């Protein structure tokens, strides 16, 4: 709906603005989708945007130089990471680069249509993944998401 309104108003945004804006809209919609009710969704959004919930890692910052942040309610604490920060940043950069550079699925499929054998191999692999997924449904303990609707 938002996309249609932007197009109707003939507003074009650069990619560095439209990508984060799209992510923000999807993020907010996920909160409403997963919340039990409207009031809990609003409470989650309020907690996500409350500046008092911001905790900056004290290892990176000279706290005395940023005392004004403490006055604003921002806390400093120990950063708990699974792995070193440099390895996590490298992984995120590699994944981001791959996502930004790789072609999207319609382009991949249009390229595969000129090579029927490759398309058959892809269909076979996806069929095996689908079969494995269907066969493992009973072995995974999870609550069905749509029971709340």
Foldseek 3Di string as FASTA:
>chain_A
DVVVVCVVVPHDDDPVPVVVVVVVVVVLVVLCLQDLDDVVSVVVVCCVPDQLNAEAEPVVDPCVVVVVSVVVNYHYDHDDDDDDPVVVVVVVVVVVVCVVPDDDVVVVVVVCVVPVVVVVVVVVVVVVVVVVVVVCPVVDDDDDRPPSD
